[in-house]
Amino acid sequence: MQNSSFKISAAVPGSGALLKISAVAVAVVMLGAGATANAGSLGKPCTSAPEAQWLPMPQLQAKVEAQGYKVQKAKLKNACGELYTLDKNGSRVELFVDPTNGQIIGQM
């Protein structure tokens, strides 16, 4: 007896391609869910220090660049510096930085 799923896909023209597309779509969704979960874990503040103790953005950028990253875009969000950078290999890396001292708290 043959596998019934094989019979269905063999009987329906183009269904093999549809199954491949579905498998790719599931993989993309799973990868996206992992990235979202990772990003959500960094949604907490990087510091509880008052804003008056934070370094200016140019100083935060300089501290990150001194560690070998090239900053492309930077912003402050939820008491955390979010710096969109390129690492030494040219790969994109989003860094989460403590705005009081420039210490990297996490990355994606």
PDB file of N, CA and C in Angstrom:
ATOM      1  N   MET A   1       0.839  -1.180   0.000  1.00  0.00           N
ATOM      2  CA  MET A   1       0.000   0.000   0.000  1.00  0.00           C
ATOM      3  C   MET A   1       0.882   1.239   0.000  1.00  0.00           C
ATOM      4  N   GLN A   2       0.555   2.205  -0.833  1.00  0.00           N
ATOM      5  CA  GLN A   2       1.348   3.428  -0.936  1.00  0.00           C
ATOM      6  C   GLN A   2       0.884   4.436   0.107  1.00  0.00           C
ATOM      7  N   ASN A   3       1.780   5.340   0.422  1.00  0.00           N
ATOM      8  CA  ASN A   3       1.463   6.433   1.340  1.00  0.00           C
ATOM      9  C   ASN A   3       0.394   7.317   0.705  1.00  0.00           C
ATOM     10  N   SER A   4      -0.676   7.597   1.444  1.00  0.00           N
ATOM     11  CA  SER A   4      -1.788   8.357   0.872  1.00  0.00           C
ATOM     12  C   SER A   4      -1.400   9.791   0.534  1.00  0.00           C
ATOM     13  N   SER A   5      -0.494  10.394   1.273  1.00  0.00           N
ATOM     14  CA  SER A   5      -0.091  11.758   0.953  1.00  0.00           C
ATOM     15  C   SER A   5       0.655  11.797  -0.373  1.00  0.00           C
ATOM     16  N   PHE A   6       1.355  10.710  -0.680  1.00  0.00           N
ATOM     17  CA  PHE A   6       2.035  10.642  -1.969  1.00  0.00           C
ATOM     18  C   PHE A   6       1.012  10.577  -3.089  1.00  0.00           C
ATOM     19  N   LYS A   7      -0.029   9.815  -2.899  1.00  0.00           N
ATOM     20  CA  LYS A   7      -1.079   9.705  -3.909  1.00  0.00           C
ATOM     21  C   LYS A   7      -1.703  11.061  -4.178  1.00  0.00           C
ATOM     22  N   ILE A   8      -1.970  11.821  -3.119  1.00  0.00           N
ATOM     23  CA  ILE A   8      -2.613  13.119  -3.283  1.00  0.00           C
ATOM     24  C   ILE A   8      -1.688  14.061  -4.038  1.00  0.00           C
ATOM     25  N   SER A   9      -0.436  14.134  -3.630  1.00  0.00           N
ATOM     26  CA  SER A   9       0.466  15.066  -4.290  1.00  0.00           C
ATOM     27  C   SER A   9       0.771  14.630  -5.714  1.00  0.00           C
ATOM     28  N   ALA A  10       0.770  13.342  -5.977  1.00  0.00           N
ATOM     29  CA  ALA A  10       1.009  12.874  -7.329  1.00  0.00           C
ATOM     30  C   ALA A  10      -0.200  13.141  -8.213  1.00  0.00           C
ATOM     31  N   ALA A  11      -1.389  13.137  -7.622  1.00  0.00           N
ATOM     32  CA  ALA A  11      -2.612  13.319  -8.390  1.00  0.00           C
ATOM     33  C   ALA A  11      -2.922  14.784  -8.665  1.00  0.00           C
ATOM     34  N   VAL A  12      -2.417  15.684  -7.850  1.00  0.00           N
ATOM     35  CA  VAL A  12      -2.711  17.103  -8.014  1.00  0.00           C
ATOM     36  C   VAL A  12      -1.504  17.794  -8.622  1.00  0.00           C
ATOM     37  N   PRO A  13      -1.625  18.262  -9.869  1.00  0.00           N
ATOM     38  CA  PRO A  13      -0.482  18.921 -10.514  1.00  0.00           C
ATOM     39  C   PRO A  13      -0.040  20.171  -9.755  1.00  0.00           C
ATOM     40  N   GLY A  14       1.247  20.313  -9.574  1.00  0.00           N
ATOM     41  CA  GLY A  14       1.791  21.498  -8.915  1.00  0.00           C
ATOM     42  C   GLY A  14       1.748  21.456  -7.403  1.00  0.00           C
ATOM     43  N   SER A  15       1.190  20.402  -6.820  1.00  0.00           N
ATOM     44  CA  SER A  15       1.072  20.372  -5.361  1.00  0.00           C
ATOM     45  C   SER A  15       2.425  20.172  -4.691  1.00  0.00           C
ATOM     46  N   GLY A  16       3.381  19.559  -5.370  1.00  0.00           N
ATOM     47  CA  GLY A  16       4.722  19.400  -4.812  1.00  0.00           C
ATOM     48  C   GLY A  16       5.377  20.748  -4.571  1.00  0.00           C
ATOM     49  N   ALA A  17       5.211  21.668  -5.527  1.00  0.00           N
ATOM     50  CA  ALA A  17       5.757  23.017  -5.371  1.00  0.00           C
ATOM     51  C   ALA A  17       5.062  23.738  -4.233  1.00  0.00           C
ATOM     52  N   LEU A  18       3.739  23.513  -4.108  1.00  0.00           N
ATOM     53  CA  LEU A  18       2.975  24.146  -3.022  1.00  0.00           C
ATOM     54  C   LEU A  18       3.466  23.663  -1.667  1.00  0.00           C
ATOM     55  N   LEU A  19       3.762  22.366  -1.572  1.00  0.00           N
ATOM     56  CA  LEU A  19       4.277  21.824  -0.314  1.00  0.00           C
ATOM     57  C   LEU A  19       5.637  22.421   0.021  1.00  0.00           C
ATOM     58  N   LYS A  20       6.486  22.614  -0.976  1.00  0.00           N
ATOM     59  CA  LYS A  20       7.800  23.213  -0.745  1.00  0.00           C
ATOM     60  C   LYS A  20       7.652  24.660  -0.270  1.00  0.00           C
ATOM     61  N   ILE A  21       6.747  25.398  -0.903  1.00  0.00           N
ATOM     62  CA  ILE A  21       6.514  26.789  -0.510  1.00  0.00           C
ATOM     63  C   ILE A  21       5.989  26.846   0.913  1.00  0.00           C
ATOM     64  N   SER A  22       5.066  25.922   1.258  1.00  0.00           N
ATOM     65  CA  SER A  22       4.507  25.894   2.611  1.00  0.00           C
ATOM     66  C   SER A  22       5.597  25.612   3.639  1.00  0.00           C
ATOM     67  N   ALA A  23       6.499  24.693   3.316  1.00  0.00           N
ATOM     68  CA  ALA A  23       7.581  24.372   4.243  1.00  0.00           C
ATOM     69  C   ALA A  23       8.493  25.574   4.452  1.00  0.00           C
ATOM     70  N   VAL A  24       8.774  26.301   3.391  1.00  0.00           N
ATOM     71  CA  VAL A  24       9.606  27.502   3.497  1.00  0.00           C
ATOM     72  C   VAL A  24       8.887  28.563   4.331  1.00  0.00           C
ATOM     73  N   ALA A  25       7.586  28.728   4.107  1.00  0.00           N
ATOM     74  CA  ALA A  25       6.816  29.720   4.867  1.00  0.00           C
ATOM     75  C   ALA A  25       6.825  29.394   6.358  1.00  0.00           C
ATOM     76  N   VAL A  26       6.678  28.125   6.707  1.00  0.00           N
ATOM     77  CA  VAL A  26       6.705  27.722   8.115  1.00  0.00           C
ATOM     78  C   VAL A  26       8.074  28.022   8.720  1.00  0.00           C
ATOM     79  N   ALA A  27       9.138  27.736   7.985  1.00  0.00           N
ATOM     80  CA  ALA A  27      10.493  28.007   8.487  1.00  0.00           C
ATOM     81  C   ALA A  27      10.706  29.496   8.720  1.00  0.00           C
ATOM     82  N   VAL A  28      10.224  30.324   7.799  1.00  0.00           N
ATOM     83  CA  VAL A  28      10.386  31.776   7.944  1.00  0.00           C
ATOM     84  C   VAL A  28       9.628  32.276   9.170  1.00  0.00           C
ATOM     85  N   VAL A  29       8.416  31.788   9.367  1.00  0.00           N
ATOM     86  CA  VAL A  29       7.624  32.202  10.534  1.00  0.00           C
ATOM     87  C   VAL A  29       8.321  31.785  11.820  1.00  0.00           C
ATOM     88  N   MET A  30       8.870  30.576  11.848  1.00  0.00           N
ATOM     89  CA  MET A  30       9.547  30.112  13.061  1.00  0.00           C
ATOM     90  C   MET A  30      10.789  30.944  13.357  1.00  0.00           C
ATOM     91  N   LEU A  31      11.543  31.294  12.331  1.00  0.00           N
ATOM     92  CA  LEU A  31      12.722  32.141  12.534  1.00  0.00           C
ATOM     93  C   LEU A  31      12.311  33.518  13.034  1.00  0.00           C
ATOM     94  N   GLY A  32      11.258  34.065  12.475  1.00  0.00           N
ATOM     95  CA  GLY A  32      10.759  35.369  12.905  1.00  0.00           C
ATOM     96  C   GLY A  32      10.290  35.344  14.341  1.00  0.00           C
ATOM     97  N   ALA A  33       9.643  34.268  14.744  1.00  0.00           N
ATOM     98  CA  ALA A  33       9.168  34.155  16.124  1.00  0.00           C
ATOM     99  C   ALA A  33      10.350  34.111  17.090  1.00  0.00           C
ATOM    100  N   GLY A  34      11.418  33.436  16.697  1.00  0.00           N
ATOM    101  CA  GLY A  34      12.608  33.386  17.544  1.00  0.00           C
ATOM    102  C   GLY A  34      13.243  34.755  17.699  1.00  0.00           C
ATOM    103  N   ALA A  35      13.314  35.512  16.623  1.00  0.00           N
ATOM    104  CA  ALA A  35      13.897  36.853  16.683  1.00  0.00           C
ATOM    105  C   ALA A  35      13.031  37.772  17.531  1.00  0.00           C
ATOM    106  N   THR A  36      11.717  37.645  17.419  1.00  0.00           N
ATOM    107  CA  THR A  36      10.815  38.474  18.211  1.00  0.00           C
ATOM    108  C   THR A  36      10.958  38.145  19.687  1.00  0.00           C
ATOM    109  N   ALA A  37      11.059  36.860  20.005  1.00  0.00           N
ATOM    110  CA  ALA A  37      11.219  36.472  21.404  1.00  0.00           C
ATOM    111  C   ALA A  37      12.517  37.029  21.957  1.00  0.00           C
ATOM    112  N   ASN A  38      13.562  36.986  21.161  1.00  0.00           N
ATOM    113  CA  ASN A  38      14.854  37.515  21.576  1.00  0.00           C
ATOM    114  C   ASN A  38      14.776  39.021  21.798  1.00  0.00           C
ATOM    115  N   ALA A  39      14.118  39.725  20.884  1.00  0.00           N
ATOM    116  CA  ALA A  39      13.990  41.172  21.004  1.00  0.00           C
ATOM    117  C   ALA A  39      13.154  41.528  22.220  1.00  0.00           C
ATOM    118  N   GLY A  40      12.111  40.760  22.478  1.00  0.00           N
ATOM    119  CA  GLY A  40      11.240  41.049  23.619  1.00  0.00           C
ATOM    120  C   GLY A  40      11.971  40.933  24.946  1.00  0.00           C
ATOM    121  N   SER A  41      12.947  40.042  25.021  1.00  0.00           N
ATOM    122  CA  SER A  41      13.682  39.872  26.267  1.00  0.00           C
ATOM    123  C   SER A  41      14.564  41.080  26.568  1.00  0.00           C
ATOM    124  N   LEU A  42      14.866  41.895  25.547  1.00  0.00           N
ATOM    125  CA  LEU A  42      15.661  43.094  25.753  1.00  0.00           C
ATOM    126  C   LEU A  42      14.771  44.334  25.869  1.00  0.00           C
ATOM    127  N   GLY A  43      13.475  44.154  25.967  1.00  0.00           N
ATOM    128  CA  GLY A  43      12.550  45.263  26.096  1.00  0.00           C
ATOM    129  C   GLY A  43      12.608  45.922  27.468  1.00  0.00           C
ATOM    130  N   LYS A  44      13.377  45.352  28.374  1.00  0.00           N
ATOM    131  CA  LYS A  44      13.528  45.946  29.705  1.00  0.00           C
ATOM    132  C   LYS A  44      14.576  47.051  29.659  1.00  0.00           C
ATOM    133  N   PRO A  45      14.515  47.993  30.569  1.00  0.00           N
ATOM    134  CA  PRO A  45      15.505  49.082  30.588  1.00  0.00           C
ATOM    135  C   PRO A  45      16.925  48.555  30.812  1.00  0.00           C
ATOM    136  N   CYS A  46      17.892  49.245  30.243  1.00  0.00           N
ATOM    137  CA  CYS A  46      19.296  48.888  30.442  1.00  0.00           C
ATOM    138  C   CYS A  46      19.850  49.518  31.713  1.00  0.00           C
ATOM    139  N   THR A  47      19.148  50.538  32.218  1.00  0.00           N
ATOM    140  CA  THR A  47      19.592  51.212  33.433  1.00  0.00           C
ATOM    141  C   THR A  47      18.387  51.779  34.174  1.00  0.00           C
ATOM    142  N   SER A  48      18.560  51.955  35.464  1.00  0.00           N
ATOM    143  CA  SER A  48      17.528  52.636  36.254  1.00  0.00           C
ATOM    144  C   SER A  48      18.003  54.033  36.660  1.00  0.00           C
ATOM    145  N   ALA A  49      19.188  54.400  36.189  1.00  0.00           N
ATOM    146  CA  ALA A  49      19.755  55.720  36.513  1.00  0.00           C
ATOM    147  C   ALA A  49      18.934  56.816  35.839  1.00  0.00           C
ATOM    148  N   PRO A  50      18.833  57.976  36.476  1.00  0.00           N
ATOM    149  CA  PRO A  50      18.088  59.086  35.866  1.00  0.00           C
ATOM    150  C   PRO A  50      18.768  59.564  34.580  1.00  0.00           C
ATOM    151  N   GLU A  51      17.970  60.124  33.696  1.00  0.00           N
ATOM    152  CA  GLU A  51      18.456  60.559  32.391  1.00  0.00           C
ATOM    153  C   GLU A  51      19.595  61.572  32.496  1.00  0.00           C
ATOM    154  N   ALA A  52      19.647  62.321  33.584  1.00  0.00           N
ATOM    155  CA  ALA A  52      20.716  63.309  33.774  1.00  0.00           C
ATOM    156  C   ALA A  52      22.100  62.646  33.858  1.00  0.00           C
ATOM    157  N   GLN A  53      22.128  61.344  34.173  1.00  0.00           N
ATOM    158  CA  GLN A  53      23.400  60.623  34.284  1.00  0.00           C
ATOM    159  C   GLN A  53      23.798  59.899  32.995  1.00  0.00           C
ATOM    160  N   TRP A  54      22.975  59.995  31.969  1.00  0.00           N
ATOM    161  CA  TRP A  54      23.265  59.313  30.715  1.00  0.00           C
ATOM    162  C   TRP A  54      24.305  60.080  29.917  1.00  0.00           C
ATOM    163  N   LEU A  55      25.095  59.352  29.165  1.00  0.00           N
ATOM    164  CA  LEU A  55      26.060  59.964  28.259  1.00  0.00           C
ATOM    165  C   LEU A  55      25.338  60.499  27.025  1.00  0.00           C
ATOM    166  N   PRO A  56      25.872  61.547  26.420  1.00  0.00           N
ATOM    167  CA  PRO A  56      25.301  62.006  25.147  1.00  0.00           C
ATOM    168  C   PRO A  56      25.485  60.924  24.072  1.00  0.00           C
ATOM    169  N   MET A  57      24.587  60.898  23.118  1.00  0.00           N
ATOM    170  CA  MET A  57      24.627  59.869  22.072  1.00  0.00           C
ATOM    171  C   MET A  57      25.977  59.802  21.349  1.00  0.00           C
ATOM    172  N   PRO A  58      26.621  60.931  21.008  1.00  0.00           N
ATOM    173  CA  PRO A  58      27.938  60.818  20.350  1.00  0.00           C
ATOM    174  C   PRO A  58      28.966  60.051  21.198  1.00  0.00           C
ATOM    175  N   GLN A  59      28.905  60.193  22.519  1.00  0.00           N
ATOM    176  CA  GLN A  59      29.833  59.451  23.380  1.00  0.00           C
ATOM    177  C   GLN A  59      29.496  57.963  23.400  1.00  0.00           C
ATOM    178  N   LEU A  60      28.196  57.634  23.415  1.00  0.00           N
ATOM    179  CA  LEU A  60      27.804  56.220  23.366  1.00  0.00           C
ATOM    180  C   LEU A  60      28.294  55.589  22.058  1.00  0.00           C
ATOM    181  N   GLN A  61      28.090  56.307  20.964  1.00  0.00           N
ATOM    182  CA  GLN A  61      28.531  55.805  19.667  1.00  0.00           C
ATOM    183  C   GLN A  61      30.047  55.601  19.654  1.00  0.00           C
ATOM    184  N   ALA A  62      30.789  56.543  20.198  1.00  0.00           N
ATOM    185  CA  ALA A  62      32.255  56.442  20.232  1.00  0.00           C
ATOM    186  C   ALA A  62      32.699  55.219  21.034  1.00  0.00           C
ATOM    187  N   LYS A  63      32.026  54.947  22.149  1.00  0.00           N
ATOM    188  CA  LYS A  63      32.388  53.785  22.966  1.00  0.00           C
ATOM    189  C   LYS A  63      32.140  52.479  22.213  1.00  0.00           C
ATOM    190  N   VAL A  64      31.043  52.421  21.476  1.00  0.00           N
ATOM    191  CA  VAL A  64      30.730  51.225  20.704  1.00  0.00           C
ATOM    192  C   VAL A  64      31.699  51.083  19.532  1.00  0.00           C
ATOM    193  N   GLU A  65      32.011  52.179  18.867  1.00  0.00           N
ATOM    194  CA  GLU A  65      32.945  52.131  17.740  1.00  0.00           C
ATOM    195  C   GLU A  65      34.349  51.738  18.201  1.00  0.00           C
ATOM    196  N   ALA A  66      34.718  52.096  19.427  1.00  0.00           N
ATOM    197  CA  ALA A  66      36.022  51.712  19.965  1.00  0.00           C
ATOM    198  C   ALA A  66      36.123  50.193  20.150  1.00  0.00           C
ATOM    199  N   GLN A  67      34.959  49.518  20.175  1.00  0.00           N
ATOM    200  CA  GLN A  67      34.940  48.059  20.313  1.00  0.00           C
ATOM    201  C   GLN A  67      34.881  47.358  18.952  1.00  0.00           C
ATOM    202  N   GLY A  68      35.006  48.139  17.865  1.00  0.00           N
ATOM    203  CA  GLY A  68      35.093  47.541  16.539  1.00  0.00           C
ATOM    204  C   GLY A  68      33.816  47.561  15.718  1.00  0.00           C
ATOM    205  N   TYR A  69      32.782  48.217  16.197  1.00  0.00           N
ATOM    206  CA  TYR A  69      31.528  48.310  15.446  1.00  0.00           C
ATOM    207  C   TYR A  69      31.463  49.631  14.690  1.00  0.00           C
ATOM    208  N   LYS A  70      30.754  49.624  13.565  1.00  0.00           N
ATOM    209  CA  LYS A  70      30.510  50.852  12.815  1.00  0.00           C
ATOM    210  C   LYS A  70      29.026  51.188  12.999  1.00  0.00           C
ATOM    211  N   VAL A  71      28.735  52.295  13.665  1.00  0.00           N
ATOM    212  CA  VAL A  71      27.358  52.681  13.959  1.00  0.00           C
ATOM    213  C   VAL A  71      26.725  53.298  12.717  1.00  0.00           C
ATOM    214  N   GLN A  72      25.548  52.765  12.348  1.00  0.00           N
ATOM    215  CA  GLN A  72      24.804  53.295  11.217  1.00  0.00           C
ATOM    216  C   GLN A  72      23.630  54.160  11.673  1.00  0.00           C
ATOM    217  N   LYS A  73      23.012  53.772  12.784  1.00  0.00           N
ATOM    218  CA  LYS A  73      21.848  54.492  13.308  1.00  0.00           C
ATOM    219  C   LYS A  73      21.799  54.242  14.804  1.00  0.00           C
ATOM    220  N   ALA A  74      21.358  55.250  15.559  1.00  0.00           N
ATOM    221  CA  ALA A  74      21.294  55.088  17.013  1.00  0.00           C
ATOM    222  C   ALA A  74      20.092  55.846  17.557  1.00  0.00           C
ATOM    223  N   LYS A  75      19.502  55.289  18.623  1.00  0.00           N
ATOM    224  CA  LYS A  75      18.392  55.960  19.297  1.00  0.00           C
ATOM    225  C   LYS A  75      18.340  55.483  20.741  1.00  0.00           C
ATOM    226  N   LEU A  76      17.637  56.236  21.558  1.00  0.00           N
ATOM    227  CA  LEU A  76      17.397  55.845  22.945  1.00  0.00           C
ATOM    228  C   LEU A  76      15.942  55.421  23.071  1.00  0.00           C
ATOM    229  N   LYS A  77      15.732  54.258  23.692  1.00  0.00           N
ATOM    230  CA  LYS A  77      14.381  53.734  23.857  1.00  0.00           C
ATOM    231  C   LYS A  77      14.339  52.904  25.128  1.00  0.00           C
ATOM    232  N   ASN A  78      13.355  53.162  25.983  1.00  0.00           N
ATOM    233  CA  ASN A  78      13.189  52.399  27.226  1.00  0.00           C
ATOM    234  C   ASN A  78      14.453  52.402  28.089  1.00  0.00           C
ATOM    235  N   ALA A  79      15.058  53.555  28.256  1.00  0.00           N
ATOM    236  CA  ALA A  79      16.272  53.703  29.065  1.00  0.00           C
ATOM    237  C   ALA A  79      17.388  52.782  28.578  1.00  0.00           C
ATOM    238  N   CYS A  80      17.464  52.646  27.256  1.00  0.00           N
ATOM    239  CA  CYS A  80      18.460  51.777  26.653  1.00  0.00           C
ATOM    240  C   CYS A  80      18.878  52.374  25.310  1.00  0.00           C
ATOM    241  N   GLY A  81      20.172  52.381  25.034  1.00  0.00           N
ATOM    242  CA  GLY A  81      20.629  52.801  23.726  1.00  0.00           C
ATOM    243  C   GLY A  81      20.459  51.655  22.742  1.00  0.00           C
ATOM    244  N   GLU A  82      19.816  51.928  21.606  1.00  0.00           N
ATOM    245  CA  GLU A  82      19.692  50.934  20.536  1.00  0.00           C
ATOM    246  C   GLU A  82      20.546  51.419  19.383  1.00  0.00           C
ATOM    247  N   LEU A  83      21.604  50.699  19.108  1.00  0.00           N
ATOM    248  CA  LEU A  83      22.525  51.082  18.048  1.00  0.00           C
ATOM    249  C   LEU A  83      22.531  50.025  16.965  1.00  0.00           C
ATOM    250  N   TYR A  84      22.256  50.462  15.760  1.00  0.00           N
ATOM    251  CA  TYR A  84      22.259  49.583  14.603  1.00  0.00           C
ATOM    252  C   TYR A  84      23.637  49.708  13.971  1.00  0.00           C
ATOM    253  N   THR A  85      24.372  48.606  13.952  1.00  0.00           N
ATOM    254  CA  THR A  85      25.788  48.652  13.604  1.00  0.00           C
ATOM    255  C   THR A  85      26.164  47.588  12.580  1.00  0.00           C
ATOM    256  N   LEU A  86      27.386  47.705  12.116  1.00  0.00           N
ATOM    257  CA  LEU A  86      28.042  46.653  11.344  1.00  0.00           C
ATOM    258  C   LEU A  86      29.228  46.175  12.185  1.00  0.00           C
ATOM    259  N   ASP A  87      29.393  44.859  12.284  1.00  0.00           N
ATOM    260  CA  ASP A  87      30.540  44.354  13.037  1.00  0.00           C
ATOM    261  C   ASP A  87      31.784  44.329  12.153  1.00  0.00           C
ATOM    262  N   LYS A  88      32.872  43.771  12.652  1.00  0.00           N
ATOM    263  CA  LYS A  88      34.143  43.748  11.921  1.00  0.00           C
ATOM    264  C   LYS A  88      34.053  43.000  10.598  1.00  0.00           C
ATOM    265  N   ASN A  89      33.084  42.066  10.508  1.00  0.00           N
ATOM    266  CA  ASN A  89      32.908  41.278   9.284  1.00  0.00           C
ATOM    267  C   ASN A  89      31.895  41.891   8.328  1.00  0.00           C
ATOM    268  N   GLY A  90      31.332  43.032   8.706  1.00  0.00           N
ATOM    269  CA  GLY A  90      30.335  43.682   7.866  1.00  0.00           C
ATOM    270  C   GLY A  90      28.915  43.183   8.079  1.00  0.00           C
ATOM    271  N   SER A  91      28.697  42.344   9.094  1.00  0.00           N
ATOM    272  CA  SER A  91      27.359  41.828   9.403  1.00  0.00           C
ATOM    273  C   SER A  91      26.592  42.838  10.246  1.00  0.00           C
ATOM    274  N   ARG A  92      25.299  42.931   9.993  1.00  0.00           N
ATOM    275  CA  ARG A  92      24.454  43.847  10.763  1.00  0.00           C
ATOM    276  C   ARG A  92      24.204  43.292  12.158  1.00  0.00           C
ATOM    277  N   VAL A  93      24.369  44.158  13.153  1.00  0.00           N
ATOM    278  CA  VAL A  93      24.158  43.770  14.540  1.00  0.00           C
ATOM    279  C   VAL A  93      23.442  44.916  15.239  1.00  0.00           C
ATOM    280  N   GLU A  94      22.351  44.598  15.919  1.00  0.00           N
ATOM    281  CA  GLU A  94      21.666  45.606  16.739  1.00  0.00           C
ATOM    282  C   GLU A  94      22.171  45.439  18.166  1.00  0.00           C
ATOM    283  N   LEU A  95      22.724  46.516  18.709  1.00  0.00           N
ATOM    284  CA  LEU A  95      23.279  46.478  20.070  1.00  0.00           C
ATOM    285  C   LEU A  95      22.376  47.228  21.030  1.00  0.00           C
ATOM    286  N   PHE A  96      22.265  46.709  22.239  1.00  0.00           N
ATOM    287  CA  PHE A  96      21.543  47.364  23.326  1.00  0.00           C
ATOM    288  C   PHE A  96      22.589  47.785  24.348  1.00  0.00           C
ATOM    289  N   VAL A  97      22.648  49.091  24.614  1.00  0.00           N
ATOM    290  CA  VAL A  97      23.752  49.673  25.364  1.00  0.00           C
ATOM    291  C   VAL A  97      23.236  50.431  26.582  1.00  0.00           C
ATOM    292  N   ASP A  98      23.924  50.261  27.707  1.00  0.00           N
ATOM    293  CA  ASP A  98      23.619  51.031  28.914  1.00  0.00           C
ATOM    294  C   ASP A  98      24.009  52.487  28.650  1.00  0.00           C
ATOM    295  N   PRO A  99      23.045  53.409  28.708  1.00  0.00           N
ATOM    296  CA  PRO A  99      23.358  54.790  28.369  1.00  0.00           C
ATOM    297  C   PRO A  99      24.205  55.533  29.407  1.00  0.00           C
ATOM    298  N   THR A 100      24.445  54.924  30.564  1.00  0.00           N
ATOM    299  CA  THR A 100      25.262  55.602  31.570  1.00  0.00           C
ATOM    300  C   THR A 100      26.755  55.366  31.366  1.00  0.00           C
ATOM    301  N   ASN A 101      27.105  54.234  30.711  1.00  0.00           N
ATOM    302  CA  ASN A 101      28.530  53.906  30.584  1.00  0.00           C
ATOM    303  C   ASN A 101      28.928  53.315  29.223  1.00  0.00           C
ATOM    304  N   GLY A 102      27.964  53.054  28.331  1.00  0.00           N
ATOM    305  CA  GLY A 102      28.270  52.516  27.023  1.00  0.00           C
ATOM    306  C   GLY A 102      28.504  51.030  26.995  1.00  0.00           C
ATOM    307  N   GLN A 103      28.260  50.334  28.109  1.00  0.00           N
ATOM    308  CA  GLN A 103      28.444  48.892  28.157  1.00  0.00           C
ATOM    309  C   GLN A 103      27.367  48.199  27.317  1.00  0.00           C
ATOM    310  N   ILE A 104      27.775  47.246  26.489  1.00  0.00           N
ATOM    311  CA  ILE A 104      26.839  46.490  25.680  1.00  0.00           C
ATOM    312  C   ILE A 104      26.128  45.481  26.577  1.00  0.00           C
ATOM    313  N   ILE A 105      24.796  45.602  26.622  1.00  0.00           N
ATOM    314  CA  ILE A 105      23.965  44.743  27.467  1.00  0.00           C
ATOM    315  C   ILE A 105      23.510  43.502  26.696  1.00  0.00           C
ATOM    316  N   GLY A 106      23.247  43.685  25.406  1.00  0.00           N
ATOM    317  CA  GLY A 106      22.783  42.568  24.580  1.00  0.00           C
ATOM    318  C   GLY A 106      22.879  42.919  23.120  1.00  0.00           C
ATOM    319  N   GLN A 107      22.605  41.925  22.275  1.00  0.00           N
ATOM    320  CA  GLN A 107      22.642  42.162  20.825  1.00  0.00           C
ATOM    321  C   GLN A 107      21.727  41.191  20.124  1.00  0.00           C
ATOM    322  N   MET A 108      21.360  41.586  18.915  1.00  0.00           N
ATOM    323  CA  MET A 108      20.533  40.732  18.055  1.00  0.00           C
ATOM    324  C   MET A 108      21.162  40.670  16.697  1.00  0.00           C
TER     325      MET A 108
END
